[in-house]
Amino acid sequence: MVMEMAFTYFFRDMQTLEMIRDHALPSLRSRQRIRIWDAGCAMGPEPYSLAILLRENVGYMYFRNISIIATDIDQSQQFAEIIAEGRYPRDQVERIPEDVLAKYFLADDSLETYQISEEIRKVVHFLRHDLLSLQPPAEQFDLILCKNVLLHFSQQERVQVIRMFHQALAIGGFLAVEQTQKLPEELKDSFVQVVSQAQLFQKI
């Protein structure tokens, strides 16, 4: 079943994705595998956008070494099915460049939907997860992406969640958060900001 996805669509925040591509990916490509956590993934456009961007920049062979754990509290309990199927309504893909859409999506005119290719779907795995549990779904991530979530937390909760992210990252791993969220002062010694024009940080 396809549901309306409020405030989310593919390639919504290209600046952050491009900063990951330009400033994190060159370092991460030296690793045998890249493990990514997209925290607060909603119904999947964000982790799938990241997966497509990575596929475009690392090639077929290395892309098989990438895995993305996409998590959300998912109060509807329907995100797992939607993300696994990777089928989205037309208005959610209209910002995707035509060549990318043709390469990674299959149109179903009868349902007015587009389904993501199996190659991309295979690297994204959904788990229900509450960030305020302060327990990461795994350890040793190379990149954690968390956008449009932290603004809903109190200052103390943001500090606790970002501290959890730091612990869940591998040495030299990267953290990307929304542009409106500055790194709390309490954690300034835990990360270095990679570029001044984006909230992209590397674990110290």
Protein backbone atom coordinates (compact mmCIF):
# COMPACT_ATOMS: atom_id res chain seq x y z
CA MET A 1 0.00 0.00 0.00
CA VAL A 2 1.32 3.45 -0.88
CA MET A 3 0.62 6.25 1.56
CA GLU A 4 1.02 9.99 1.26
CA MET A 5 4.42 11.01 2.63
CA ALA A 6 4.25 14.41 4.26
CA PHE A 7 7.31 16.61 3.91
CA THR A 8 9.44 13.96 2.29
CA TYR A 9 10.43 13.24 -1.28
CA PHE A 10 13.44 11.99 -3.19
CA PHE A 11 16.57 14.17 -3.25
CA ARG A 12 14.96 16.66 -0.89
CA ASP A 13 18.25 18.01 0.52
CA MET A 14 20.76 17.81 -2.30
CA GLN A 15 23.27 20.02 -0.50
CA THR A 16 23.75 17.49 2.28
CA LEU A 17 23.88 14.58 -0.17
CA GLU A 18 26.47 16.39 -2.27
CA MET A 19 28.56 17.18 0.82
CA ILE A 20 28.52 13.47 1.69
CA ARG A 21 29.53 12.61 -1.87
CA ASP A 22 32.31 15.19 -2.07
CA HIS A 23 33.75 15.17 1.46
CA ALA A 24 32.88 11.86 3.12
CA LEU A 25 32.80 9.33 0.29
CA PRO A 26 36.45 9.78 -0.80
CA SER A 27 37.55 8.76 2.70
CA LEU A 28 35.00 5.98 3.08
CA ARG A 29 35.88 4.33 -0.22
CA SER A 30 39.17 3.16 1.29
CA ARG A 31 37.19 0.87 3.60
CA GLN A 32 36.31 -2.68 2.66
CA ARG A 33 32.65 -2.06 3.43
CA ILE A 34 30.56 1.04 4.13
CA ARG A 35 27.92 0.73 6.84
CA ILE A 36 25.37 3.55 7.03
CA TRP A 37 22.60 4.37 9.48
CA ASP A 38 19.81 6.68 8.31
CA ALA A 39 18.09 7.61 11.57
CA GLY A 40 14.54 8.88 11.12
CA CYS A 41 14.08 7.68 7.55
CA ALA A 42 10.28 8.15 7.33
CA MET A 43 9.00 6.07 4.41
CA GLY A 44 12.34 5.76 2.66
CA PRO A 45 12.97 8.53 0.09
CA GLU A 46 16.04 9.74 2.00
CA PRO A 47 17.95 6.44 2.35
CA TYR A 48 17.04 5.51 -1.20
CA SER A 49 18.24 8.90 -2.47
CA LEU A 50 21.54 8.34 -0.68
CA ALA A 51 21.80 4.80 -2.09
CA ILE A 52 21.25 6.08 -5.65
CA LEU A 53 23.84 8.83 -5.20
CA LEU A 54 26.37 6.29 -3.91
CA ARG A 55 25.61 3.88 -6.76
CA GLU A 56 26.24 6.67 -9.25
CA ASN A 57 29.62 7.42 -7.70
CA VAL A 58 31.12 4.06 -6.73
CA GLY A 59 30.11 1.73 -9.53
CA TYR A 60 28.47 -1.69 -9.54
CA MET A 61 31.16 -3.82 -7.90
CA TYR A 62 31.85 -1.64 -4.86
CA PHE A 63 28.18 -0.78 -4.39
CA ARG A 64 27.59 -4.37 -3.30
CA ASN A 65 29.76 -3.59 -0.24
CA ILE A 66 27.41 -0.85 0.98
CA SER A 67 24.60 -1.44 3.46
CA ILE A 68 22.13 1.12 4.81
CA ILE A 69 20.10 0.52 7.96
CA ALA A 70 17.10 2.86 7.76
CA THR A 71 15.25 3.36 11.04
CA ASP A 72 12.18 5.19 12.25
CA ILE A 73 9.84 4.98 15.22
CA ASP A 74 7.12 4.14 12.64
CA GLN A 75 3.97 4.58 14.69
CA SER A 76 1.93 3.42 11.69
CA GLN A 77 3.83 0.12 11.58
CA GLN A 78 3.72 0.26 7.77
CA PHE A 79 7.12 1.67 6.85
CA ALA A 80 8.82 -1.74 6.64
CA GLU A 81 6.48 -2.93 3.90
CA ILE A 82 6.64 0.35 1.98
CA ILE A 83 10.43 0.53 2.08
CA ALA A 84 10.89 -3.14 1.22
CA GLU A 85 8.64 -2.79 -1.82
CA GLY A 86 10.20 0.54 -2.79
CA ARG A 87 7.08 1.74 -4.60
CA TYR A 88 6.21 5.44 -4.49
CA PRO A 89 3.57 7.74 -6.01
CA ARG A 90 4.45 9.91 -8.97
CA ASP A 91 4.59 13.18 -7.01
CA GLN A 92 7.35 11.80 -4.79
CA VAL A 93 9.72 11.17 -7.70
CA GLU A 94 9.04 14.21 -9.87
CA ARG A 95 12.19 16.04 -8.69
CA ILE A 96 14.45 13.18 -9.79
CA PRO A 97 16.41 13.92 -13.00
CA GLU A 98 14.90 12.05 -15.93
CA ASP A 99 18.01 9.98 -16.63
CA VAL A 100 18.23 8.84 -12.99
CA LEU A 101 14.51 8.07 -12.90
CA ALA A 102 14.78 5.96 -16.05
CA LYS A 103 17.85 4.13 -14.72
CA TYR A 104 16.65 3.22 -11.23
CA PHE A 105 12.83 3.25 -11.31
CA LEU A 106 10.21 1.21 -13.13
CA ALA A 107 6.95 3.02 -13.91
CA ASP A 108 3.62 1.33 -13.25
CA ASP A 109 1.14 3.49 -15.13
CA SER A 110 -1.88 1.53 -13.87
CA LEU A 111 -1.04 2.44 -10.25
CA GLU A 112 0.62 5.77 -11.07
CA THR A 113 3.65 4.65 -9.09
CA TYR A 114 7.36 4.08 -9.61
CA GLN A 115 9.26 1.17 -8.09
CA ILE A 116 12.96 1.39 -7.25
CA SER A 117 15.22 -1.16 -8.91
CA GLU A 118 16.09 -4.31 -7.00
CA GLU A 119 19.79 -3.37 -7.01
CA ILE A 120 19.05 -0.28 -4.93
CA ARG A 121 16.40 -1.93 -2.73
CA LYS A 122 18.82 -4.68 -1.70
CA VAL A 123 21.15 -2.31 0.17
CA VAL A 124 18.45 -0.59 2.29
CA HIS A 125 17.10 -2.47 5.32
CA PHE A 126 14.40 -1.02 7.58
CA LEU A 127 14.19 -1.43 11.35
CA ARG A 128 11.75 0.11 13.82
CA HIS A 129 13.78 2.12 16.32
CA ASP A 130 13.24 4.86 18.89
CA LEU A 131 16.22 7.24 19.03
CA LEU A 132 15.36 8.16 22.62
CA SER A 133 16.08 4.60 23.68
CA LEU A 134 19.72 5.73 23.29
CA GLN A 135 20.58 2.25 22.05
CA PRO A 136 21.88 2.15 18.44
CA PRO A 137 20.64 -0.64 16.16
CA ALA A 138 24.26 -1.68 15.54
CA GLU A 139 27.82 -0.42 16.01
CA GLN A 140 30.76 0.69 13.88
CA PHE A 141 28.86 2.75 11.35
CA ASP A 142 30.90 4.65 8.78
CA LEU A 143 28.19 7.27 8.21
CA ILE A 144 25.14 8.30 10.21
CA LEU A 145 22.54 10.55 8.59
CA CYS A 146 19.89 12.15 10.83
CA LYS A 147 17.76 14.94 9.43
CA ASN A 148 14.44 16.51 10.40
CA VAL A 149 14.37 14.60 13.68
CA LEU A 150 16.60 16.36 16.20
CA LEU A 151 14.55 19.56 16.04
CA HIS A 152 11.71 17.68 17.75
CA PHE A 153 13.88 16.89 20.79
CA SER A 154 14.81 18.99 23.81
CA GLN A 155 18.36 20.28 24.08
CA GLN A 156 19.25 17.56 26.59
CA GLU A 157 17.77 14.86 24.36
CA ARG A 158 19.72 16.17 21.36
CA VAL A 159 22.96 15.95 23.33
CA GLN A 160 22.17 12.40 24.42
CA VAL A 161 21.22 11.25 20.92
CA ILE A 162 24.27 12.80 19.26
CA ARG A 163 26.47 11.26 21.96
CA MET A 164 24.91 7.90 21.04
CA PHE A 165 25.70 8.58 17.38
CA HIS A 166 29.32 9.28 18.31
CA GLN A 167 29.57 5.97 20.16
CA ALA A 168 27.96 4.09 17.27
CA LEU A 169 30.37 5.52 14.68
CA ALA A 170 33.60 3.81 13.70
CA ILE A 171 36.79 5.82 14.15
CA GLY A 172 36.83 8.48 11.43
CA GLY A 173 33.14 7.95 10.69
CA PHE A 174 30.89 10.81 9.58
CA LEU A 175 27.72 12.36 10.98
CA ALA A 176 25.37 14.49 8.85
CA VAL A 177 22.46 16.38 10.44
CA GLU A 178 19.99 19.01 9.24
CA GLN A 179 21.26 22.50 8.52
CA THR A 180 19.26 24.03 11.40
CA GLN A 181 20.97 21.84 14.01
CA LYS A 182 24.30 23.09 15.27
CA LEU A 183 26.54 20.71 17.17
CA PRO A 184 25.96 21.13 20.93
CA GLU A 185 28.83 22.74 22.81
CA GLU A 186 29.11 19.64 25.01
CA LEU A 187 30.17 17.61 21.97
CA LYS A 188 32.55 20.02 20.24
CA ASP A 189 35.53 17.88 21.31
CA SER A 190 33.98 14.73 19.87
CA PHE A 191 33.70 15.82 16.23
CA VAL A 192 35.39 18.08 13.71
CA GLN A 193 33.22 19.96 11.22
CA VAL A 194 34.24 18.82 7.74
CA VAL A 195 32.93 21.79 5.75
CA SER A 196 31.71 25.14 7.01
CA GLN A 197 28.65 25.28 4.72
CA ALA A 198 27.09 22.02 5.92
CA GLN A 199 26.43 20.21 9.16
CA LEU A 200 28.78 17.34 8.27
CA PHE A 201 31.10 16.16 11.02
CA GLN A 202 33.81 13.54 11.42
CA LYS A 203 34.33 11.56 14.60
CA ILE A 204 37.54 12.42 16.41
